[in-house]
C-alpha cells in the first residue's frame, strides 16, 4: 500500500510540527490543520486514513468537528483519536459517545500515540472497513450503504471501474498503480463536491473498482464529468511517449507484444426508478452488467 495519510488537528504549532516531523519519519503522509474549520475542509479535499484531533481549538472545538465528521456519509468511517490536555472522565466519555476511536491526554508519550495510530488504522483495514490504498470505505461499509438505500427511493448506484489499469500497473509498477487509484478516489470526491449532494457515498470495492451512491437526478452529470476529467487528467501518469502515441506497449501471456489502450473509466448506473431490487446483490450485479456494456 502507499503511505497512510494522517491529519493532525492542533492549534499549538510546537506540538503539530513535532507530530508532523515524527510521523513523517515513520513513513506517514502528514497534513496539519490549526483550526476545526480547516480540518473539515482538508478532510473533504483529501480523505485521511486517521485524524488526531485536539479538543481545544480556536474556532469550533474537537467535539463539534467529530460530530460533523461522524454525521457525514463520506467521513463517518475515518478513525479519530482525541488529543487533549483534559483528562476528566466526562470529556473522555463525551468523545467516545460521539464516535471517537481512542483518546490520549497531554503530555503524551509519542511512542504510545504511534501504537494507537497503528492499531486504529489496522483495525479499520482488518474489519474490511477501509481500503488501505485509498482510505475509502470498503467491504462491510459498502454493504451497509446498500442495505440502507434498498429501502429508499431517489438514489443511483454507480459501478465505476478504471479500464486498462492492469496493463498500466504491469508497465509502470505497483507504486504508480497505487498513485492512480488514489488519484481516482480524489477525483471522484472532487466531482461529487461540485455535482453531487452532501450525503453522497464513495466506496472502494477493491482493485480498480469504485462505487458511488448519489441522488438519481445528479447521476448523469456526475458520470459524464468523471469520464471527461479522468480521461484528461490521468494522462499525467503516463510518459510523454505513451501520451503521444495513445497506448502502451506490453507483452501478453504468450510473450507476444501488444498495444494496451490508455486508461479510462467505465461506469454502470442503476436506480429504483428502472428496477425493483429484491436484495443488494441485484443492485451490484445489474450495475456491473451496465458497466461492462459501457467498456
Protein backbone atom coordinates (compact mmCIF):
# COMPACT_ATOMS: atom_id res chain seq x y z
CA UNK A 1 0.00 0.00 0.00
CA UNK A 2 1.03 3.66 -0.26
CA UNK A 3 1.69 5.87 2.72
CA UNK A 4 -1.17 6.12 5.20
CA UNK A 5 -2.44 9.70 5.45
CA UNK A 6 -2.71 11.38 8.85
CA UNK A 7 -4.42 14.68 9.59
CA UNK A 8 -3.17 16.41 12.75
CA UNK A 9 -5.71 18.96 14.03
CA UNK A 10 -3.84 21.04 16.63
CA UNK A 11 -3.57 24.81 17.16
CA UNK A 12 -0.30 24.58 19.14
CA UNK A 13 2.31 24.89 16.37
CA UNK A 14 5.06 23.33 18.52
CA UNK A 15 3.02 20.17 19.03
CA UNK A 16 1.72 19.98 15.46
CA UNK A 17 5.20 20.50 13.99
CA UNK A 18 6.65 17.84 16.29
CA UNK A 19 3.94 15.35 15.33
CA UNK A 20 4.32 16.13 11.63
CA UNK A 21 8.09 15.60 11.74
CA UNK A 22 7.81 12.43 13.82
CA UNK A 23 5.08 10.69 11.83
CA UNK A 24 6.63 11.73 8.50
CA UNK A 25 9.77 9.99 9.70
CA UNK A 26 7.65 6.93 10.49
CA UNK A 27 6.54 6.72 6.85
CA UNK A 28 3.20 8.51 7.03
CA UNK A 29 1.90 11.27 4.78
CA UNK A 30 1.04 14.02 7.26
CA UNK A 31 -1.08 17.15 6.93
CA UNK A 32 -1.78 19.72 9.66
CA UNK A 33 -4.84 21.88 10.39
CA UNK A 34 -4.70 24.58 13.11
CA UNK A 35 -8.47 25.06 13.23
CA UNK A 36 -11.55 22.88 13.16
CA UNK A 37 -12.92 24.53 10.03
CA UNK A 38 -9.62 23.94 8.22
CA UNK A 39 -9.72 20.28 9.30
CA UNK A 40 -13.18 19.82 7.80
CA UNK A 41 -12.07 21.40 4.53
CA UNK A 42 -8.88 19.32 4.31
CA UNK A 43 -10.83 16.13 5.05
CA UNK A 44 -13.28 16.98 2.29
CA UNK A 45 -10.48 17.50 -0.25
CA UNK A 46 -8.23 14.57 0.68
CA UNK A 47 -9.67 11.85 2.88
CA UNK A 48 -7.18 10.82 5.60
CA UNK A 49 -6.74 7.30 6.95
CA UNK A 50 -6.84 8.71 10.52
CA UNK A 51 -7.33 12.03 12.32
CA UNK A 52 -5.51 13.07 15.50
CA UNK A 53 -7.90 15.70 16.86
CA UNK A 54 -7.31 18.22 19.65
CA UNK A 55 -10.43 19.14 21.63
CA UNK A 56 -9.48 22.76 22.40
CA UNK A 57 -9.42 24.62 19.07
CA UNK A 58 -9.75 28.38 18.41
CA UNK A 59 -12.92 28.25 16.29
CA UNK A 60 -15.04 25.10 16.76
CA UNK A 61 -13.99 22.53 19.32
CA UNK A 62 -12.92 18.98 18.58
CA UNK A 63 -16.23 17.57 19.80
CA UNK A 64 -18.10 19.53 17.09
CA UNK A 65 -15.55 18.55 14.43
CA UNK A 66 -16.02 14.89 15.40
CA UNK A 67 -19.81 15.22 15.33
CA UNK A 68 -19.75 16.75 11.83
CA UNK A 69 -17.40 14.07 10.53
CA UNK A 70 -19.46 11.26 12.02
CA UNK A 71 -22.75 12.54 10.59
CA UNK A 72 -21.33 12.97 7.07
CA UNK A 73 -21.64 9.82 4.95
CA UNK A 74 -18.27 10.35 3.27
CA UNK A 75 -16.27 10.77 6.52
CA UNK A 76 -18.23 8.72 9.06
CA UNK A 77 -15.76 5.81 8.91
CA UNK A 78 -12.47 7.73 9.41
CA UNK A 79 -10.78 6.72 12.72
CA UNK A 80 -10.39 9.63 15.17
CA UNK A 81 -8.02 9.83 18.14
CA UNK A 82 -8.73 12.72 20.53
CA UNK A 83 -5.65 14.60 21.77
CA UNK A 84 -6.26 16.97 24.66
CA UNK A 85 -4.98 18.43 27.89
CA UNK A 86 -8.20 17.44 29.58
CA UNK A 87 -8.27 14.10 31.34
CA UNK A 88 -11.65 14.39 33.00
CA UNK A 89 -13.79 11.29 32.68
CA UNK A 90 -16.75 13.31 31.33
CA UNK A 91 -14.66 14.65 28.43
CA UNK A 92 -13.43 11.19 27.54
CA UNK A 93 -16.95 9.80 27.60
CA UNK A 94 -18.24 12.70 25.51
CA UNK A 95 -15.64 11.99 22.84
CA UNK A 96 -16.31 8.28 22.77
CA UNK A 97 -20.07 8.83 22.62
CA UNK A 98 -19.55 10.99 19.52
CA UNK A 99 -17.75 8.09 17.85
CA UNK A 100 -14.07 8.75 18.56
CA UNK A 101 -11.94 5.61 18.35
CA UNK A 102 -9.41 6.49 21.04
CA UNK A 103 -8.33 9.19 23.47
CA UNK A 104 -4.91 10.31 24.73
CA UNK A 105 -4.06 13.18 27.08
CA UNK A 106 -1.23 15.71 27.07
CA UNK A 107 1.57 15.41 27.93
CA UNK A 108 1.65 12.18 25.97
CA UNK A 109 4.19 9.51 25.11
CA UNK A 110 4.89 9.77 21.38
CA UNK A 111 5.56 6.04 21.12
CA UNK A 112 2.22 5.29 22.75
CA UNK A 113 0.46 7.61 20.30
CA UNK A 114 2.25 5.88 17.41
CA UNK A 115 0.99 2.49 18.59
CA UNK A 116 -2.55 3.81 18.97
CA UNK A 117 -2.45 5.24 15.43
CA UNK A 118 -1.14 1.96 14.02
CA UNK A 119 -3.75 -0.04 15.88
CA UNK A 120 -6.67 2.15 14.77
CA UNK A 121 -5.66 2.04 11.09
CA UNK A 122 -5.01 -1.72 11.18
CA UNK A 123 -8.33 -2.38 12.90
CA UNK A 124 -10.23 -0.46 10.21
CA UNK A 125 -8.49 -2.44 7.46
CA UNK A 126 -8.81 -5.84 9.15
CA UNK A 127 -12.52 -5.30 9.70
CA UNK A 128 -12.90 -4.58 5.97
CA UNK A 129 -13.93 -1.02 6.78
CA UNK A 130 -11.43 0.76 4.55
CA UNK A 131 -9.20 0.07 1.57
CA UNK A 132 -5.52 0.51 2.55
CA UNK A 133 -4.61 2.38 -0.65
CA UNK A 134 -7.40 4.93 -0.95
CA UNK A 135 -8.63 5.07 2.65
CA UNK A 136 -12.18 4.88 1.27
CA UNK A 137 -14.92 2.73 2.79
CA UNK A 138 -14.77 -0.91 1.66
CA UNK A 139 -16.45 -4.28 2.30
CA UNK A 140 -18.83 -4.00 5.24
CA UNK A 141 -19.35 -0.24 4.95
CA UNK A 142 -20.39 -0.55 1.30
CA UNK A 143 -22.80 -3.34 2.21
CA UNK A 144 -24.29 -1.17 4.97
CA UNK A 145 -24.96 1.62 2.49
CA UNK A 146 -26.58 -0.81 0.06
CA UNK A 147 -28.87 -2.14 2.79
CA UNK A 148 -29.80 1.44 3.64
CA UNK A 149 -30.70 2.59 0.14
CA UNK A 150 -32.58 -0.55 -0.95
CA UNK A 151 -35.47 0.58 1.27
CA UNK A 152 -35.46 4.10 -0.16
CA UNK A 153 -36.20 5.97 -3.38
CA UNK A 154 -34.40 8.62 -5.45
CA UNK A 155 -30.92 7.18 -5.48
CA UNK A 156 -28.50 5.95 -8.10
CA UNK A 157 -25.78 3.34 -7.60
CA UNK A 158 -22.72 3.74 -9.82
CA UNK A 159 -20.20 0.97 -10.50
CA UNK A 160 -17.00 2.77 -11.55
CA UNK A 161 -14.02 0.88 -12.97
CA UNK A 162 -10.63 2.03 -14.24
CA UNK A 163 -10.37 0.15 -17.52
CA UNK A 164 -6.91 -0.94 -18.77
CA UNK A 165 -5.47 -0.49 -15.26
CA UNK A 166 -3.66 -3.85 -15.15
CA UNK A 167 -1.50 -3.21 -18.27
CA UNK A 168 -0.57 0.18 -16.80
CA UNK A 169 0.41 -1.38 -13.47
CA UNK A 170 2.48 -4.05 -15.21
CA UNK A 171 4.30 -1.44 -17.28
CA UNK A 172 4.77 1.25 -14.63
CA UNK A 173 4.83 -0.76 -11.38
CA UNK A 174 2.75 -1.14 -8.22
CA UNK A 175 3.65 2.27 -6.78
CA UNK A 176 2.45 4.05 -9.92
CA UNK A 177 -0.68 1.89 -9.86
CA UNK A 178 -1.46 2.89 -6.28
CA UNK A 179 -0.97 6.54 -7.28
CA UNK A 180 -3.61 6.12 -9.99
CA UNK A 181 -6.07 4.59 -7.51
CA UNK A 182 -5.54 7.47 -5.08
CA UNK A 183 -5.95 9.93 -7.96
CA UNK A 184 -9.22 8.25 -8.98
CA UNK A 185 -10.51 8.39 -5.39
CA UNK A 186 -9.67 12.10 -5.09
CA UNK A 187 -11.20 12.87 -8.48
CA UNK A 188 -14.47 11.15 -7.58
CA UNK A 189 -14.59 13.17 -4.36
CA UNK A 190 -13.96 16.44 -6.20
CA UNK A 191 -16.67 15.74 -8.76
CA UNK A 192 -19.20 14.81 -6.07
CA UNK A 193 -18.39 18.03 -4.22
CA UNK A 194 -19.35 20.10 -7.28
CA UNK A 195 -22.01 17.95 -8.96
CA UNK A 196 -23.42 15.78 -6.19
CA UNK A 197 -25.11 16.14 -2.81
CA UNK A 198 -23.67 16.37 0.74
CA UNK A 199 -24.78 12.82 1.56
CA UNK A 200 -23.21 11.10 -1.46
CA UNK A 201 -21.17 7.99 -0.69
CA UNK A 202 -17.88 6.83 -2.23
CA UNK A 203 -16.55 3.31 -1.67
CA UNK A 204 -13.57 1.32 -2.91
CA UNK A 205 -14.84 -2.14 -3.77
CA UNK A 206 -11.31 -3.41 -4.39
CA UNK A 207 -8.60 -3.15 -7.02
CA UNK A 208 -9.61 -0.79 -9.81
CA UNK A 209 -13.29 -0.77 -8.83
CA UNK A 210 -15.10 2.06 -7.01
CA UNK A 211 -18.74 2.64 -6.14
CA UNK A 212 -20.75 5.85 -5.82
CA UNK A 213 -24.21 6.36 -4.34
CA UNK A 214 -25.83 9.67 -5.22
CA UNK A 215 -29.23 11.17 -5.99
CA UNK A 216 -30.80 9.90 -9.19
CA UNK A 217 -31.06 13.36 -10.73
CA UNK A 218 -27.31 14.04 -10.33
CA UNK A 219 -26.03 10.68 -11.63
CA UNK A 220 -25.87 11.52 -15.34
CA UNK A 221 -23.89 14.73 -14.82
CA UNK A 222 -21.52 13.01 -12.38
CA UNK A 223 -20.97 10.15 -14.82
CA UNK A 224 -20.21 12.49 -17.72
CA UNK A 225 -17.91 14.71 -15.67
CA UNK A 226 -15.99 11.77 -14.20
CA UNK A 227 -15.30 10.23 -17.59
CA UNK A 228 -14.19 13.51 -19.17
CA UNK A 229 -11.96 14.64 -16.34
CA UNK A 230 -10.41 11.21 -15.79
CA UNK A 231 -9.52 10.82 -19.47
CA UNK A 232 -7.82 14.22 -19.43
CA UNK A 233 -6.10 14.17 -16.06
CA UNK A 234 -4.91 10.54 -15.99
CA UNK A 235 -2.54 11.40 -18.85
CA UNK A 236 -0.14 12.95 -16.33
CA UNK A 237 0.54 9.43 -15.02
CA UNK A 238 1.96 8.33 -18.39
CA UNK A 239 5.29 9.11 -20.03
CA UNK A 240 5.41 11.67 -22.83
CA UNK A 241 5.90 8.93 -25.42
CA UNK A 242 2.90 6.89 -24.25
CA UNK A 243 0.71 10.01 -24.13
CA UNK A 244 1.68 10.96 -27.67
CA UNK A 245 1.14 7.51 -29.18
CA UNK A 246 -2.08 6.91 -27.24
CA UNK A 247 -1.21 3.44 -25.94
CA UNK A 248 1.45 1.50 -24.03
CA UNK A 249 3.42 -1.45 -25.31
CA UNK A 250 3.03 -4.63 -23.26
CA UNK A 251 3.66 -8.36 -23.60
CA UNK A 252 0.81 -10.89 -23.32
CA UNK A 253 0.92 -14.28 -21.58
CA UNK A 254 2.27 -15.90 -24.73
CA UNK A 255 5.16 -13.45 -24.82
CA UNK A 256 3.79 -11.59 -27.83
CA UNK A 257 3.90 -7.76 -27.94
CA UNK A 258 0.59 -5.96 -27.56
CA UNK A 259 -0.68 -2.40 -27.52
CA UNK A 260 -2.81 -1.58 -24.46
CA UNK A 261 -5.12 1.46 -24.61
CA UNK A 262 -4.71 4.29 -22.12
CA UNK A 263 -6.85 4.10 -19.00
CA UNK A 264 -10.42 5.37 -18.99
CA UNK A 265 -13.47 5.00 -16.77
CA UNK A 266 -16.34 2.63 -17.45
CA UNK A 267 -19.45 3.37 -15.38
CA UNK A 268 -22.66 1.42 -14.87
CA UNK A 269 -25.63 3.15 -13.24
CA UNK A 270 -28.81 1.64 -11.77
CA UNK A 271 -31.68 3.24 -9.86
CA UNK A 272 -35.01 2.16 -8.28
CA UNK A 273 -36.93 4.03 -10.98
CA UNK A 274 -35.64 1.49 -13.52
CA UNK A 275 -35.54 -1.72 -11.47
CA UNK A 276 -37.14 -3.36 -8.46
CA UNK A 277 -34.45 -4.84 -6.23
CA UNK A 278 -35.10 -7.84 -4.01
CA UNK A 279 -31.65 -7.80 -2.37
CA UNK A 280 -28.39 -5.85 -2.50
CA UNK A 281 -26.72 -8.40 -4.78
CA UNK A 282 -29.13 -7.45 -7.54
CA UNK A 283 -28.02 -3.82 -7.24
CA UNK A 284 -24.33 -4.66 -7.65
CA UNK A 285 -24.86 -7.29 -10.35
CA UNK A 286 -27.04 -5.07 -12.54
CA UNK A 287 -24.65 -2.14 -12.11
CA UNK A 288 -21.69 -4.35 -13.04
CA UNK A 289 -23.55 -5.56 -16.13
CA UNK A 290 -24.27 -1.95 -17.14
CA UNK A 291 -20.62 -1.04 -16.55
CA UNK A 292 -19.40 -3.91 -18.77
CA UNK A 293 -21.63 -2.64 -21.57
CA UNK A 294 -20.03 0.79 -21.14
CA UNK A 295 -16.50 -0.59 -21.60
